[in-house]
Amino acid sequence: MKLKKRNYRKEYDKFQSSPEQKKNRAARNGRRMKLVKQGKVKKGDGKDIHHYKVGGVIKTKVMSASKNRGIAEKSRLPGSKRK
């Protein structure tokens, strides 16, 4: 039996176009724009907005892009149940 080649582009487009993901993306963009208006970040400044949860509430803080992208996700750490 020959396996069908997986279409990653189609999966990505389907996931990103779901109503739930559109809502999540709009919320992230809104939180970033709030920080832009406060003057904490601007386009091309090398900063990222770190989104994290504390007690179910989503919080944000400004940090360097390299530091934010270097944070190990819990799902990728040894002992994670995610596969």
PDB file of N, CA and C in Angstrom:
ATOM      1  N   MET A   1       0.836  -1.187   0.000  1.00  0.00           N
ATOM      2  CA  MET A   1       0.000   0.000   0.000  1.00  0.00           C
ATOM      3  C   MET A   1       0.881   1.251   0.000  1.00  0.00           C
ATOM      4  N   LYS A   2       0.641   2.110  -0.940  1.00  0.00           N
ATOM      5  CA  LYS A   2       1.429   3.326  -1.062  1.00  0.00           C
ATOM      6  C   LYS A   2       0.770   4.448  -0.265  1.00  0.00           C
ATOM      7  N   LEU A   3       1.590   5.129   0.569  1.00  0.00           N
ATOM      8  CA  LEU A   3       1.065   6.238   1.356  1.00  0.00           C
ATOM      9  C   LEU A   3       0.966   7.484   0.502  1.00  0.00           C
ATOM     10  N   LYS A   4      -0.095   8.249   0.755  1.00  0.00           N
ATOM     11  CA  LYS A   4      -0.286   9.501   0.033  1.00  0.00           C
ATOM     12  C   LYS A   4       0.620  10.562   0.644  1.00  0.00           C
ATOM     13  N   LYS A   5       1.221  11.384  -0.196  1.00  0.00           N
ATOM     14  CA  LYS A   5       2.107  12.425   0.276  1.00  0.00           C
ATOM     15  C   LYS A   5       1.303  13.461   1.067  1.00  0.00           C
ATOM     16  N   ARG A   6       1.821  13.852   2.215  1.00  0.00           N
ATOM     17  CA  ARG A   6       1.131  14.769   3.115  1.00  0.00           C
ATOM     18  C   ARG A   6       1.249  16.206   2.598  1.00  0.00           C
ATOM     19  N   ASN A   7       0.127  16.909   2.578  1.00  0.00           N
ATOM     20  CA  ASN A   7       0.096  18.287   2.089  1.00  0.00           C
ATOM     21  C   ASN A   7       0.143  19.238   3.288  1.00  0.00           C
ATOM     22  N   TYR A   8       1.348  19.622   3.671  1.00  0.00           N
ATOM     23  CA  TYR A   8       1.527  20.491   4.836  1.00  0.00           C
ATOM     24  C   TYR A   8       0.938  21.873   4.597  1.00  0.00           C
ATOM     25  N   ARG A   9       1.031  22.383   3.384  1.00  0.00           N
ATOM     26  CA  ARG A   9       0.498  23.713   3.059  1.00  0.00           C
ATOM     27  C   ARG A   9      -1.013  23.751   3.301  1.00  0.00           C
ATOM     28  N   LYS A  10      -1.707  22.713   2.879  1.00  0.00           N
ATOM     29  CA  LYS A  10      -3.158  22.643   3.050  1.00  0.00           C
ATOM     30  C   LYS A  10      -3.520  22.568   4.545  1.00  0.00           C
ATOM     31  N   GLU A  11      -2.767  21.769   5.302  1.00  0.00           N
ATOM     32  CA  GLU A  11      -3.015  21.663   6.745  1.00  0.00           C
ATOM     33  C   GLU A  11      -2.809  23.016   7.427  1.00  0.00           C
ATOM     34  N   TYR A  12      -1.730  23.708   7.075  1.00  0.00           N
ATOM     35  CA  TYR A  12      -1.410  25.001   7.665  1.00  0.00           C
ATOM     36  C   TYR A  12      -2.512  26.017   7.350  1.00  0.00           C
ATOM     37  N   ASP A  13      -2.913  26.072   6.074  1.00  0.00           N
ATOM     38  CA  ASP A  13      -3.955  27.021   5.670  1.00  0.00           C
ATOM     39  C   ASP A  13      -5.276  26.735   6.381  1.00  0.00           C
ATOM     40  N   LYS A  14      -5.604  25.469   6.514  1.00  0.00           N
ATOM     41  CA  LYS A  14      -6.861  25.091   7.173  1.00  0.00           C
ATOM     42  C   LYS A  14      -6.836  25.495   8.648  1.00  0.00           C
ATOM     43  N   PHE A  15      -5.723  25.263   9.320  1.00  0.00           N
ATOM     44  CA  PHE A  15      -5.598  25.589  10.737  1.00  0.00           C
ATOM     45  C   PHE A  15      -5.652  27.103  10.949  1.00  0.00           C
ATOM     46  N   GLN A  16      -4.884  27.853  10.148  1.00  0.00           N
ATOM     47  CA  GLN A  16      -4.812  29.304  10.320  1.00  0.00           C
ATOM     48  C   GLN A  16      -6.114  30.005   9.970  1.00  0.00           C
ATOM     49  N   SER A  17      -6.954  29.396   9.140  1.00  0.00           N
ATOM     50  CA  SER A  17      -8.197  30.043   8.731  1.00  0.00           C
ATOM     51  C   SER A  17      -9.375  29.682   9.635  1.00  0.00           C
ATOM     52  N   SER A  18      -9.134  28.850  10.654  1.00  0.00           N
ATOM     53  CA  SER A  18     -10.240  28.482  11.542  1.00  0.00           C
ATOM     54  C   SER A  18     -10.643  29.695  12.386  1.00  0.00           C
ATOM     55  N   PRO A  19     -11.928  29.829  12.717  1.00  0.00           N
ATOM     56  CA  PRO A  19     -12.394  30.978  13.497  1.00  0.00           C
ATOM     57  C   PRO A  19     -11.660  31.141  14.828  1.00  0.00           C
ATOM     58  N   GLU A  20     -11.334  30.030  15.482  1.00  0.00           N
ATOM     59  CA  GLU A  20     -10.638  30.101  16.767  1.00  0.00           C
ATOM     60  C   GLU A  20      -9.241  30.715  16.599  1.00  0.00           C
ATOM     61  N   GLN A  21      -8.514  30.294  15.549  1.00  0.00           N
ATOM     62  CA  GLN A  21      -7.167  30.814  15.329  1.00  0.00           C
ATOM     63  C   GLN A  21      -7.191  32.273  14.886  1.00  0.00           C
ATOM     64  N   LYS A  22      -8.211  32.658  14.140  1.00  0.00           N
ATOM     65  CA  LYS A  22      -8.349  34.067  13.743  1.00  0.00           C
ATOM     66  C   LYS A  22      -8.537  34.938  14.982  1.00  0.00           C
ATOM     67  N   LYS A  23      -9.324  34.448  15.915  1.00  0.00           N
ATOM     68  CA  LYS A  23      -9.586  35.167  17.170  1.00  0.00           C
ATOM     69  C   LYS A  23      -8.302  35.284  17.999  1.00  0.00           C
ATOM     70  N   ASN A  24      -7.549  34.180  18.104  1.00  0.00           N
ATOM     71  CA  ASN A  24      -6.287  34.184  18.859  1.00  0.00           C
ATOM     72  C   ASN A  24      -5.279  35.152  18.247  1.00  0.00           C
ATOM     73  N   ARG A  25      -5.164  35.130  16.921  1.00  0.00           N
ATOM     74  CA  ARG A  25      -4.220  36.004  16.229  1.00  0.00           C
ATOM     75  C   ARG A  25      -4.604  37.478  16.412  1.00  0.00           C
ATOM     76  N   ALA A  26      -5.897  37.773  16.323  1.00  0.00           N
ATOM     77  CA  ALA A  26      -6.373  39.149  16.507  1.00  0.00           C
ATOM     78  C   ALA A  26      -6.078  39.630  17.927  1.00  0.00           C
ATOM     79  N   ALA A  27      -6.220  38.742  18.906  1.00  0.00           N
ATOM     80  CA  ALA A  27      -5.939  39.104  20.300  1.00  0.00           C
ATOM     81  C   ALA A  27      -4.447  39.392  20.492  1.00  0.00           C
ATOM     82  N   ARG A  28      -3.574  38.559  19.905  1.00  0.00           N
ATOM     83  CA  ARG A  28      -2.129  38.788  20.004  1.00  0.00           C
ATOM     84  C   ARG A  28      -1.736  40.105  19.339  1.00  0.00           C
ATOM     85  N   ASN A  29      -2.301  40.350  18.155  1.00  0.00           N
ATOM     86  CA  ASN A  29      -1.995  41.593  17.447  1.00  0.00           C
ATOM     87  C   ASN A  29      -2.479  42.806  18.238  1.00  0.00           C
ATOM     88  N   GLY A  30      -3.631  42.676  18.871  1.00  0.00           N
ATOM     89  CA  GLY A  30      -4.169  43.771  19.682  1.00  0.00           C
ATOM     90  C   GLY A  30      -3.280  44.085  20.871  1.00  0.00           C
ATOM     91  N   ARG A  31      -2.776  43.046  21.520  1.00  0.00           N
ATOM     92  CA  ARG A  31      -1.881  43.262  22.659  1.00  0.00           C
ATOM     93  C   ARG A  31      -0.573  43.910  22.207  1.00  0.00           C
ATOM     94  N   ARG A  32      -0.092  43.529  21.016  1.00  0.00           N
ATOM     95  CA  ARG A  32       1.126  44.153  20.494  1.00  0.00           C
ATOM     96  C   ARG A  32       0.872  45.627  20.177  1.00  0.00           C
ATOM     97  N   MET A  33      -0.246  45.942  19.552  1.00  0.00           N
ATOM     98  CA  MET A  33      -0.544  47.328  19.195  1.00  0.00           C
ATOM     99  C   MET A  33      -0.677  48.204  20.443  1.00  0.00           C
ATOM    100  N   LYS A  34      -1.187  47.630  21.508  1.00  0.00           N
ATOM    101  CA  LYS A  34      -1.302  48.375  22.768  1.00  0.00           C
ATOM    102  C   LYS A  34       0.096  48.792  23.253  1.00  0.00           C
ATOM    103  N   LEU A  35       1.062  47.873  23.156  1.00  0.00           N
ATOM    104  CA  LEU A  35       2.430  48.177  23.572  1.00  0.00           C
ATOM    105  C   LEU A  35       3.120  49.143  22.605  1.00  0.00           C
ATOM    106  N   VAL A  36       2.759  49.081  21.329  1.00  0.00           N
ATOM    107  CA  VAL A  36       3.307  50.026  20.352  1.00  0.00           C
ATOM    108  C   VAL A  36       2.832  51.436  20.698  1.00  0.00           C
ATOM    109  N   LYS A  37       1.549  51.573  21.011  1.00  0.00           N
ATOM    110  CA  LYS A  37       0.989  52.882  21.362  1.00  0.00           C
ATOM    111  C   LYS A  37       1.609  53.439  22.640  1.00  0.00           C
ATOM    112  N   GLN A  38       1.994  52.549  23.562  1.00  0.00           N
ATOM    113  CA  GLN A  38       2.644  52.988  24.803  1.00  0.00           C
ATOM    114  C   GLN A  38       4.110  53.341  24.569  1.00  0.00           C
ATOM    115  N   GLY A  39       4.630  53.023  23.374  1.00  0.00           N
ATOM    116  CA  GLY A  39       6.011  53.340  23.035  1.00  0.00           C
ATOM    117  C   GLY A  39       7.019  52.332  23.548  1.00  0.00           C
ATOM    118  N   LYS A  40       6.559  51.164  23.973  1.00  0.00           N
ATOM    119  CA  LYS A  40       7.469  50.148  24.509  1.00  0.00           C
ATOM    120  C   LYS A  40       8.160  49.342  23.422  1.00  0.00           C
ATOM    121  N   VAL A  41       7.516  49.218  22.268  1.00  0.00           N
ATOM    122  CA  VAL A  41       8.107  48.503  21.136  1.00  0.00           C
ATOM    123  C   VAL A  41       7.804  49.268  19.855  1.00  0.00           C
ATOM    124  N   LYS A  42       8.602  48.993  18.834  1.00  0.00           N
ATOM    125  CA  LYS A  42       8.305  49.524  17.510  1.00  0.00           C
ATOM    126  C   LYS A  42       8.873  48.572  16.473  1.00  0.00           C
ATOM    127  N   LYS A  43       8.408  48.697  15.272  1.00  0.00           N
ATOM    128  CA  LYS A  43       8.820  47.819  14.190  1.00  0.00           C
ATOM    129  C   LYS A  43      10.321  47.920  13.967  1.00  0.00           C
ATOM    130  N   GLY A  44      10.995  46.766  13.926  1.00  0.00           N
ATOM    131  CA  GLY A  44      12.413  46.721  13.630  1.00  0.00           C
ATOM    132  C   GLY A  44      13.333  47.017  14.804  1.00  0.00           C
ATOM    133  N   ASP A  45      12.807  47.037  16.033  1.00  0.00           N
ATOM    134  CA  ASP A  45      13.652  47.358  17.196  1.00  0.00           C
ATOM    135  C   ASP A  45      14.312  46.139  17.820  1.00  0.00           C
ATOM    136  N   GLY A  46      14.067  44.944  17.269  1.00  0.00           N
ATOM    137  CA  GLY A  46      14.694  43.731  17.793  1.00  0.00           C
ATOM    138  C   GLY A  46      14.012  43.181  19.033  1.00  0.00           C
ATOM    139  N   LYS A  47      12.823  43.672  19.332  1.00  0.00           N
ATOM    140  CA  LYS A  47      12.081  43.225  20.509  1.00  0.00           C
ATOM    141  C   LYS A  47      10.904  42.357  20.090  1.00  0.00           C
ATOM    142  N   ASP A  48      10.532  41.429  20.955  1.00  0.00           N
ATOM    143  CA  ASP A  48       9.351  40.597  20.775  1.00  0.00           C
ATOM    144  C   ASP A  48       8.431  40.812  21.962  1.00  0.00           C
ATOM    145  N   ILE A  49       7.171  40.487  21.766  1.00  0.00           N
ATOM    146  CA  ILE A  49       6.209  40.500  22.857  1.00  0.00           C
ATOM    147  C   ILE A  49       6.072  39.061  23.337  1.00  0.00           C
ATOM    148  N   HIS A  50       6.418  38.839  24.589  1.00  0.00           N
ATOM    149  CA  HIS A  50       6.317  37.495  25.178  1.00  0.00           C
ATOM    150  C   HIS A  50       4.924  37.355  25.771  1.00  0.00           C
ATOM    151  N   HIS A  51       4.136  36.398  25.242  1.00  0.00           N
ATOM    152  CA  HIS A  51       2.788  36.123  25.738  1.00  0.00           C
ATOM    153  C   HIS A  51       2.864  34.902  26.648  1.00  0.00           C
ATOM    154  N   TYR A  52       2.343  35.020  27.852  1.00  0.00           N
ATOM    155  CA  TYR A  52       2.373  33.893  28.782  1.00  0.00           C
ATOM    156  C   TYR A  52       1.134  33.933  29.667  1.00  0.00           C
ATOM    157  N   LYS A  53       0.807  32.796  30.268  1.00  0.00           N
ATOM    158  CA  LYS A  53      -0.378  32.693  31.118  1.00  0.00           C
ATOM    159  C   LYS A  53       0.030  32.633  32.582  1.00  0.00           C
ATOM    160  N   VAL A  54      -0.719  33.353  33.409  1.00  0.00           N
ATOM    161  CA  VAL A  54      -0.549  33.298  34.852  1.00  0.00           C
ATOM    162  C   VAL A  54      -1.952  33.098  35.424  1.00  0.00           C
ATOM    163  N   GLY A  55      -2.191  31.915  35.942  1.00  0.00           N
ATOM    164  CA  GLY A  55      -3.507  31.626  36.510  1.00  0.00           C
ATOM    165  C   GLY A  55      -4.630  31.735  35.495  1.00  0.00           C
ATOM    166  N   GLY A  56      -4.377  31.364  34.245  1.00  0.00           N
ATOM    167  CA  GLY A  56      -5.396  31.402  33.208  1.00  0.00           C
ATOM    168  C   GLY A  56      -5.538  32.763  32.531  1.00  0.00           C
ATOM    169  N   VAL A  57      -4.834  33.777  33.013  1.00  0.00           N
ATOM    170  CA  VAL A  57      -4.886  35.111  32.423  1.00  0.00           C
ATOM    171  C   VAL A  57      -3.658  35.298  31.538  1.00  0.00           C
ATOM    172  N   ILE A  58      -3.873  35.754  30.314  1.00  0.00           N
ATOM    173  CA  ILE A  58      -2.755  35.964  29.399  1.00  0.00           C
ATOM    174  C   ILE A  58      -2.107  37.302  29.695  1.00  0.00           C
ATOM    175  N   LYS A  59      -0.802  37.267  29.908  1.00  0.00           N
ATOM    176  CA  LYS A  59      -0.027  38.473  30.195  1.00  0.00           C
ATOM    177  C   LYS A  59       1.015  38.649  29.098  1.00  0.00           C
ATOM    178  N   THR A  60       1.559  39.860  28.998  1.00  0.00           N
ATOM    179  CA  THR A  60       2.596  40.125  28.009  1.00  0.00           C
ATOM    180  C   THR A  60       3.728  40.907  28.643  1.00  0.00           C
ATOM    181  N   LYS A  61       4.926  40.721  28.082  1.00  0.00           N
ATOM    182  CA  LYS A  61       6.054  41.553  28.473  1.00  0.00           C
ATOM    183  C   LYS A  61       6.986  41.666  27.281  1.00  0.00           C
ATOM    184  N   VAL A  62       7.770  42.733  27.257  1.00  0.00           N
ATOM    185  CA  VAL A  62       8.692  42.994  26.163  1.00  0.00           C
ATOM    186  C   VAL A  62      10.040  42.369  26.500  1.00  0.00           C
ATOM    187  N   MET A  63      10.619  41.666  25.520  1.00  0.00           N
ATOM    188  CA  MET A  63      11.965  41.112  25.688  1.00  0.00           C
ATOM    189  C   MET A  63      12.630  41.039  24.329  1.00  0.00           C
ATOM    190  N   SER A  64      13.929  40.843  24.324  1.00  0.00           N
ATOM    191  CA  SER A  64      14.645  40.761  23.058  1.00  0.00           C
ATOM    192  C   SER A  64      14.152  39.551  22.271  1.00  0.00           C
ATOM    193  N   ALA A  65      14.185  39.680  20.971  1.00  0.00           N
ATOM    194  CA  ALA A  65      13.701  38.608  20.104  1.00  0.00           C
ATOM    195  C   ALA A  65      14.484  37.321  20.326  1.00  0.00           C
ATOM    196  N   SER A  66      15.813  37.434  20.471  1.00  0.00           N
ATOM    197  CA  SER A  66      16.623  36.230  20.628  1.00  0.00           C
ATOM    198  C   SER A  66      16.312  35.516  21.934  1.00  0.00           C
ATOM    199  N   LYS A  67      16.053  36.267  22.983  1.00  0.00           N
ATOM    200  CA  LYS A  67      15.734  35.650  24.266  1.00  0.00           C
ATOM    201  C   LYS A  67      14.350  34.996  24.215  1.00  0.00           C
ATOM    202  N   ASN A  68      13.376  35.691  23.635  1.00  0.00           N
ATOM    203  CA  ASN A  68      12.019  35.164  23.555  1.00  0.00           C
ATOM    204  C   ASN A  68      11.959  33.894  22.718  1.00  0.00           C
ATOM    205  N   ARG A  69      12.692  33.851  21.631  1.00  0.00           N
ATOM    206  CA  ARG A  69      12.654  32.686  20.740  1.00  0.00           C
ATOM    207  C   ARG A  69      13.516  31.547  21.243  1.00  0.00           C
ATOM    208  N   GLY A  70      14.318  31.800  22.269  1.00  0.00           N
ATOM    209  CA  GLY A  70      15.166  30.766  22.842  1.00  0.00           C
ATOM    210  C   GLY A  70      14.550  30.070  24.036  1.00  0.00           C
ATOM    211  N   ILE A  71      13.369  30.516  24.462  1.00  0.00           N
ATOM    212  CA  ILE A  71      12.695  29.896  25.607  1.00  0.00           C
ATOM    213  C   ILE A  71      12.227  28.497  25.213  1.00  0.00           C
ATOM    214  N   ALA A  72      12.572  27.501  26.009  1.00  0.00           N
ATOM    215  CA  ALA A  72      12.153  26.124  25.734  1.00  0.00           C
ATOM    216  C   ALA A  72      10.682  25.964  26.087  1.00  0.00           C
ATOM    217  N   GLU A  73       9.901  25.483  25.143  1.00  0.00           N
ATOM    218  CA  GLU A  73       8.493  25.225  25.402  1.00  0.00           C
ATOM    219  C   GLU A  73       8.365  23.989  26.276  1.00  0.00           C
ATOM    220  N   LYS A  74       7.393  24.002  27.166  1.00  0.00           N
ATOM    221  CA  LYS A  74       7.202  22.865  28.066  1.00  0.00           C
ATOM    222  C   LYS A  74       6.924  21.584  27.298  1.00  0.00           C
ATOM    223  N   SER A  75       6.234  21.711  26.164  1.00  0.00           N
ATOM    224  CA  SER A  75       5.881  20.526  25.386  1.00  0.00           C
ATOM    225  C   SER A  75       7.097  19.884  24.728  1.00  0.00           C
ATOM    226  N   ARG A  76       8.216  20.619  24.643  1.00  0.00           N
ATOM    227  CA  ARG A  76       9.406  20.073  23.990  1.00  0.00           C
ATOM    228  C   ARG A  76      10.461  19.601  24.975  1.00  0.00           C
ATOM    229  N   LEU A  77      10.196  19.766  26.257  1.00  0.00           N
ATOM    230  CA  LEU A  77      11.148  19.351  27.273  1.00  0.00           C
ATOM    231  C   LEU A  77      11.060  17.847  27.501  1.00  0.00           C
ATOM    232  N   PRO A  78      12.142  17.221  27.989  1.00  0.00           N
ATOM    233  CA  PRO A  78      12.094  15.781  28.275  1.00  0.00           C
ATOM    234  C   PRO A  78      11.005  15.477  29.305  1.00  0.00           C
ATOM    235  N   GLY A  79      10.304  14.395  29.096  1.00  0.00           N
ATOM    236  CA  GLY A  79       9.268  13.997  30.019  1.00  0.00           C
ATOM    237  C   GLY A  79       7.890  14.511  29.632  1.00  0.00           C
ATOM    238  N   SER A  80       7.803  15.268  28.549  1.00  0.00           N
ATOM    239  CA  SER A  80       6.516  15.796  28.099  1.00  0.00           C
ATOM    240  C   SER A  80       5.674  14.646  27.542  1.00  0.00           C
ATOM    241  N   LYS A  81       4.366  14.722  27.745  1.00  0.00           N
ATOM    242  CA  LYS A  81       3.473  13.690  27.253  1.00  0.00           C
ATOM    243  C   LYS A  81       3.094  13.926  25.800  1.00  0.00           C
ATOM    244  N   ARG A  82       3.410  15.113  25.276  1.00  0.00           N
ATOM    245  CA  ARG A  82       3.094  15.434  23.896  1.00  0.00           C
ATOM    246  C   ARG A  82       4.059  14.697  22.964  1.00  0.00           C
ATOM    247  N   LYS A  83       3.560  14.191  21.863  1.00  0.00           N
ATOM    248  CA  LYS A  83       4.382  13.446  20.913  1.00  0.00           C
ATOM    249  C   LYS A  83       4.464  14.156  19.608  1.00  0.00           C
TER     250      LYS A  83
END
